[in-house]
Amino acid sequence: MTENLNNLAKLYHSQGRYAEAEPLYQQALDIAEQALGENHPATVKIRENLQTLRQQQHPSS
């Protein structure tokens, strides 16, 4: 489930559809943290993807 959400978010992200991608990344991250733990490689990757998206939305942050 988290992989599907992350992949769809990545697709939206690549299309510049940031407002649609962010909640999907967040949902995937929430699920991954609960199911796999905060330090699992899949969880870390989703967190990095979300952080990258947020940096692209707000470059000065």
PDB file of N, CA and C in Angstrom:
ATOM      1  N   MET A   1       0.825  -1.197   0.000  1.00  0.00           N
ATOM      2  CA  MET A   1       0.000   0.000   0.000  1.00  0.00           C
ATOM      3  C   MET A   1       0.867   1.258   0.000  1.00  0.00           C
ATOM      4  N   THR A   2       1.866   1.302   0.878  1.00  0.00           N
ATOM      5  CA  THR A   2       2.706   2.501   0.930  1.00  0.00           C
ATOM      6  C   THR A   2       3.477   2.681  -0.374  1.00  0.00           C
ATOM      7  N   GLU A   3       3.885   1.584  -0.980  1.00  0.00           N
ATOM      8  CA  GLU A   3       4.625   1.684  -2.240  1.00  0.00           C
ATOM      9  C   GLU A   3       3.744   2.276  -3.334  1.00  0.00           C
ATOM     10  N   ASN A   4       2.487   1.865  -3.390  1.00  0.00           N
ATOM     11  CA  ASN A   4       1.567   2.409  -4.390  1.00  0.00           C
ATOM     12  C   ASN A   4       1.330   3.896  -4.166  1.00  0.00           C
ATOM     13  N   LEU A   5       1.107   4.290  -2.926  1.00  0.00           N
ATOM     14  CA  LEU A   5       0.902   5.703  -2.617  1.00  0.00           C
ATOM     15  C   LEU A   5       2.137   6.519  -2.964  1.00  0.00           C
ATOM     16  N   ASN A   6       3.299   6.001  -2.587  1.00  0.00           N
ATOM     17  CA  ASN A   6       4.554   6.698  -2.872  1.00  0.00           C
ATOM     18  C   ASN A   6       4.762   6.835  -4.381  1.00  0.00           C
ATOM     19  N   ASN A   7       4.480   5.775  -5.136  1.00  0.00           N
ATOM     20  CA  ASN A   7       4.665   5.822  -6.584  1.00  0.00           C
ATOM     21  C   ASN A   7       3.709   6.817  -7.245  1.00  0.00           C
ATOM     22  N   LEU A   8       2.462   6.841  -6.796  1.00  0.00           N
ATOM     23  CA  LEU A   8       1.511   7.796  -7.352  1.00  0.00           C
ATOM     24  C   LEU A   8       1.929   9.226  -7.000  1.00  0.00           C
ATOM     25  N   ALA A   9       2.390   9.414  -5.766  1.00  0.00           N
ATOM     26  CA  ALA A   9       2.876  10.733  -5.353  1.00  0.00           C
ATOM     27  C   ALA A   9       4.073  11.148  -6.205  1.00  0.00           C
ATOM     28  N   LYS A  10       4.977  10.210  -6.471  1.00  0.00           N
ATOM     29  CA  LYS A  10       6.147  10.524  -7.309  1.00  0.00           C
ATOM     30  C   LYS A  10       5.719  10.913  -8.717  1.00  0.00           C
ATOM     31  N   LEU A  11       4.702  10.252  -9.253  1.00  0.00           N
ATOM     32  CA  LEU A  11       4.195  10.603 -10.578  1.00  0.00           C
ATOM     33  C   LEU A  11       3.650  12.031 -10.572  1.00  0.00           C
ATOM     34  N   TYR A  12       2.804  12.339  -9.600  1.00  0.00           N
ATOM     35  CA  TYR A  12       2.251  13.689  -9.498  1.00  0.00           C
ATOM     36  C   TYR A  12       3.369  14.708  -9.306  1.00  0.00           C
ATOM     37  N   HIS A  13       4.319  14.369  -8.467  1.00  0.00           N
ATOM     38  CA  HIS A  13       5.465  15.243  -8.197  1.00  0.00           C
ATOM     39  C   HIS A  13       6.202  15.549  -9.501  1.00  0.00           C
ATOM     40  N   SER A  14       6.457  14.521 -10.287  1.00  0.00           N
ATOM     41  CA  SER A  14       7.198  14.706 -11.543  1.00  0.00           C
ATOM     42  C   SER A  14       6.424  15.545 -12.551  1.00  0.00           C
ATOM     43  N   GLN A  15       5.117  15.580 -12.394  1.00  0.00           N
ATOM     44  CA  GLN A  15       4.269  16.368 -13.280  1.00  0.00           C
ATOM     45  C   GLN A  15       4.037  17.785 -12.747  1.00  0.00           C
ATOM     46  N   GLY A  16       4.647  18.082 -11.607  1.00  0.00           N
ATOM     47  CA  GLY A  16       4.467  19.399 -11.011  1.00  0.00           C
ATOM     48  C   GLY A  16       3.150  19.550 -10.271  1.00  0.00           C
ATOM     49  N   ARG A  17       2.487  18.462 -10.006  1.00  0.00           N
ATOM     50  CA  ARG A  17       1.192  18.479  -9.313  1.00  0.00           C
ATOM     51  C   ARG A  17       1.438  18.322  -7.807  1.00  0.00           C
ATOM     52  N   TYR A  18       2.143  19.299  -7.252  1.00  0.00           N
ATOM     53  CA  TYR A  18       2.608  19.221  -5.870  1.00  0.00           C
ATOM     54  C   TYR A  18       1.470  19.129  -4.861  1.00  0.00           C
ATOM     55  N   ALA A  19       0.400  19.863  -5.075  1.00  0.00           N
ATOM     56  CA  ALA A  19      -0.720  19.863  -4.134  1.00  0.00           C
ATOM     57  C   ALA A  19      -1.383  18.490  -4.057  1.00  0.00           C
ATOM     58  N   GLU A  20      -1.312  17.735  -5.131  1.00  0.00           N
ATOM     59  CA  GLU A  20      -1.872  16.380  -5.126  1.00  0.00           C
ATOM     60  C   GLU A  20      -0.865  15.368  -4.588  1.00  0.00           C
ATOM     61  N   ALA A  21       0.402  15.619  -4.807  1.00  0.00           N
ATOM     62  CA  ALA A  21       1.437  14.678  -4.373  1.00  0.00           C
ATOM     63  C   ALA A  21       1.653  14.709  -2.865  1.00  0.00           C
ATOM     64  N   GLU A  22       1.651  15.893  -2.277  1.00  0.00           N
ATOM     65  CA  GLU A  22       2.005  16.015  -0.854  1.00  0.00           C
ATOM     66  C   GLU A  22       1.141  15.164   0.071  1.00  0.00           C
ATOM     67  N   PRO A  23      -0.199  15.197  -0.044  1.00  0.00           N
ATOM     68  CA  PRO A  23      -0.982  14.362   0.882  1.00  0.00           C
ATOM     69  C   PRO A  23      -0.766  12.867   0.682  1.00  0.00           C
ATOM     70  N   LEU A  24      -0.442  12.466  -0.546  1.00  0.00           N
ATOM     71  CA  LEU A  24      -0.165  11.048  -0.784  1.00  0.00           C
ATOM     72  C   LEU A  24       1.148  10.634  -0.119  1.00  0.00           C
ATOM     73  N   TYR A  25       2.168  11.473  -0.267  1.00  0.00           N
ATOM     74  CA  TYR A  25       3.430  11.202   0.443  1.00  0.00           C
ATOM     75  C   TYR A  25       3.191  11.132   1.946  1.00  0.00           C
ATOM     76  N   GLN A  26       2.412  12.070   2.468  1.00  0.00           N
ATOM     77  CA  GLN A  26       2.173  12.116   3.912  1.00  0.00           C
ATOM     78  C   GLN A  26       1.423  10.868   4.376  1.00  0.00           C
ATOM     79  N   GLN A  27       0.431  10.456   3.611  1.00  0.00           N
ATOM     80  CA  GLN A  27      -0.322   9.256   3.961  1.00  0.00           C
ATOM     81  C   GLN A  27       0.582   8.024   3.918  1.00  0.00           C
ATOM     82  N   ALA A  28       1.395   7.919   2.886  1.00  0.00           N
ATOM     83  CA  ALA A  28       2.329   6.794   2.775  1.00  0.00           C
ATOM     84  C   ALA A  28       3.304   6.800   3.945  1.00  0.00           C
ATOM     85  N   LEU A  29       3.787   7.988   4.314  1.00  0.00           N
ATOM     86  CA  LEU A  29       4.720   8.092   5.427  1.00  0.00           C
ATOM     87  C   LEU A  29       4.068   7.673   6.739  1.00  0.00           C
ATOM     88  N   ASP A  30       2.859   8.127   6.984  1.00  0.00           N
ATOM     89  CA  ASP A  30       2.149   7.761   8.213  1.00  0.00           C
ATOM     90  C   ASP A  30       1.978   6.251   8.317  1.00  0.00           C
ATOM     91  N   ILE A  31       1.574   5.636   7.222  1.00  0.00           N
ATOM     92  CA  ILE A  31       1.372   4.180   7.212  1.00  0.00           C
ATOM     93  C   ILE A  31       2.702   3.459   7.412  1.00  0.00           C
ATOM     94  N   ALA A  32       3.730   3.897   6.690  1.00  0.00           N
ATOM     95  CA  ALA A  32       5.036   3.238   6.789  1.00  0.00           C
ATOM     96  C   ALA A  32       5.617   3.346   8.188  1.00  0.00           C
ATOM     97  N   GLU A  33       5.488   4.514   8.808  1.00  0.00           N
ATOM     98  CA  GLU A  33       6.017   4.676  10.172  1.00  0.00           C
ATOM     99  C   GLU A  33       5.337   3.720  11.139  1.00  0.00           C
ATOM    100  N   GLN A  34       4.040   3.558  10.994  1.00  0.00           N
ATOM    101  CA  GLN A  34       3.308   2.655  11.906  1.00  0.00           C
ATOM    102  C   GLN A  34       3.603   1.194  11.603  1.00  0.00           C
ATOM    103  N   ALA A  35       3.665   0.849  10.323  1.00  0.00           N
ATOM    104  CA  ALA A  35       3.824  -0.551   9.937  1.00  0.00           C
ATOM    105  C   ALA A  35       5.271  -1.030   9.970  1.00  0.00           C
ATOM    106  N   LEU A  36       6.194  -0.142   9.600  1.00  0.00           N
ATOM    107  CA  LEU A  36       7.585  -0.565   9.432  1.00  0.00           C
ATOM    108  C   LEU A  36       8.544   0.058  10.432  1.00  0.00           C
ATOM    109  N   GLY A  37       8.144   1.178  11.022  1.00  0.00           N
ATOM    110  CA  GLY A  37       9.023   1.893  11.936  1.00  0.00           C
ATOM    111  C   GLY A  37       9.679   3.072  11.244  1.00  0.00           C
ATOM    112  N   GLU A  38      10.138   4.011  12.040  1.00  0.00           N
ATOM    113  CA  GLU A  38      10.679   5.272  11.530  1.00  0.00           C
ATOM    114  C   GLU A  38      11.985   5.114  10.763  1.00  0.00           C
ATOM    115  N   ASN A  39      12.771   4.089  11.076  1.00  0.00           N
ATOM    116  CA  ASN A  39      14.092   3.951  10.467  1.00  0.00           C
ATOM    117  C   ASN A  39      14.172   2.900   9.369  1.00  0.00           C
ATOM    118  N   HIS A  40      13.046   2.317   9.003  1.00  0.00           N
ATOM    119  CA  HIS A  40      13.033   1.326   7.922  1.00  0.00           C
ATOM    120  C   HIS A  40      13.401   2.038   6.619  1.00  0.00           C
ATOM    121  N   PRO A  41      14.163   1.382   5.750  1.00  0.00           N
ATOM    122  CA  PRO A  41      14.583   2.023   4.494  1.00  0.00           C
ATOM    123  C   PRO A  41      13.416   2.558   3.651  1.00  0.00           C
ATOM    124  N   ALA A  42      12.311   1.848   3.610  1.00  0.00           N
ATOM    125  CA  ALA A  42      11.157   2.329   2.834  1.00  0.00           C
ATOM    126  C   ALA A  42      10.579   3.597   3.446  1.00  0.00           C
ATOM    127  N   THR A  43      10.516   3.631   4.772  1.00  0.00           N
ATOM    128  CA  THR A  43      10.012   4.812   5.470  1.00  0.00           C
ATOM    129  C   THR A  43      10.926   6.003   5.229  1.00  0.00           C
ATOM    130  N   VAL A  44      12.214   5.767   5.318  1.00  0.00           N
ATOM    131  CA  VAL A  44      13.197   6.837   5.102  1.00  0.00           C
ATOM    132  C   VAL A  44      13.068   7.390   3.681  1.00  0.00           C
ATOM    133  N   LYS A  45      12.889   6.520   2.699  1.00  0.00           N
ATOM    134  CA  LYS A  45      12.767   6.959   1.307  1.00  0.00           C
ATOM    135  C   LYS A  45      11.526   7.827   1.104  1.00  0.00           C
ATOM    136  N   ILE A  46      10.422   7.429   1.675  1.00  0.00           N
ATOM    137  CA  ILE A  46       9.195   8.227   1.560  1.00  0.00           C
ATOM    138  C   ILE A  46       9.398   9.586   2.217  1.00  0.00           C
ATOM    139  N   ARG A  47      10.030   9.589   3.389  1.00  0.00           N
ATOM    140  CA  ARG A  47      10.291  10.854   4.095  1.00  0.00           C
ATOM    141  C   ARG A  47      11.171  11.769   3.238  1.00  0.00           C
ATOM    142  N   GLU A  48      12.180  11.198   2.592  1.00  0.00           N
ATOM    143  CA  GLU A  48      13.066  11.979   1.709  1.00  0.00           C
ATOM    144  C   GLU A  48      12.291  12.540   0.516  1.00  0.00           C
ATOM    145  N   ASN A  49      11.408  11.733  -0.058  1.00  0.00           N
ATOM    146  CA  ASN A  49      10.602  12.202  -1.182  1.00  0.00           C
ATOM    147  C   ASN A  49       9.719  13.373  -0.763  1.00  0.00           C
ATOM    148  N   LEU A  50       9.100  13.265   0.402  1.00  0.00           N
ATOM    149  CA  LEU A  50       8.249  14.339   0.909  1.00  0.00           C
ATOM    150  C   LEU A  50       9.068  15.598   1.165  1.00  0.00           C
ATOM    151  N   GLN A  51      10.238  15.430   1.740  1.00  0.00           N
ATOM    152  CA  GLN A  51      11.110  16.572   2.012  1.00  0.00           C
ATOM    153  C   GLN A  51      11.547  17.253   0.710  1.00  0.00           C
ATOM    154  N   THR A  52      11.877  16.473  -0.298  1.00  0.00           N
ATOM    155  CA  THR A  52      12.264  17.032  -1.594  1.00  0.00           C
ATOM    156  C   THR A  52      11.115  17.834  -2.198  1.00  0.00           C
ATOM    157  N   LEU A  53       9.927  17.285  -2.136  1.00  0.00           N
ATOM    158  CA  LEU A  53       8.759  17.989  -2.662  1.00  0.00           C
ATOM    159  C   LEU A  53       8.563  19.313  -1.936  1.00  0.00           C
ATOM    160  N   ARG A  54       8.654  19.285  -0.628  1.00  0.00           N
ATOM    161  CA  ARG A  54       8.442  20.515   0.148  1.00  0.00           C
ATOM    162  C   ARG A  54       9.529  21.550  -0.150  1.00  0.00           C
ATOM    163  N   GLN A  55      10.744  21.107  -0.376  1.00  0.00           N
ATOM    164  CA  GLN A  55      11.822  22.036  -0.725  1.00  0.00           C
ATOM    165  C   GLN A  55      11.586  22.651  -2.098  1.00  0.00           C
ATOM    166  N   GLN A  56      11.032  21.895  -3.005  1.00  0.00           N
ATOM    167  CA  GLN A  56      10.741  22.426  -4.330  1.00  0.00           C
ATOM    168  C   GLN A  56       9.573  23.404  -4.291  1.00  0.00           C
ATOM    169  N   GLN A  57       8.625  23.168  -3.400  1.00  0.00           N
ATOM    170  CA  GLN A  57       7.502  24.082  -3.251  1.00  0.00           C
ATOM    171  C   GLN A  57       7.921  25.386  -2.607  1.00  0.00           C
ATOM    172  N   HIS A  58       8.840  25.297  -1.660  1.00  0.00           N
ATOM    173  CA  HIS A  58       9.282  26.447  -0.875  1.00  0.00           C
ATOM    174  C   HIS A  58      10.807  26.484  -0.864  1.00  0.00           C
ATOM    175  N   PRO A  59      11.434  26.897  -1.942  1.00  0.00           N
ATOM    176  CA  PRO A  59      12.896  26.835  -2.060  1.00  0.00           C
ATOM    177  C   PRO A  59      13.658  27.575  -0.965  1.00  0.00           C
ATOM    178  N   SER A  60      13.079  28.593  -0.364  1.00  0.00           N
ATOM    179  CA  SER A  60      13.795  29.359   0.664  1.00  0.00           C
ATOM    180  C   SER A  60      13.761  28.692   2.028  1.00  0.00           C
ATOM    181  N   SER A  61      12.955  27.608   2.184  1.00  0.00           N
ATOM    182  CA  SER A  61      12.828  26.943   3.493  1.00  0.00           C
ATOM    183  C   SER A  61      14.020  26.067   3.780  1.00  0.00           C
TER     184      SER A  61
END
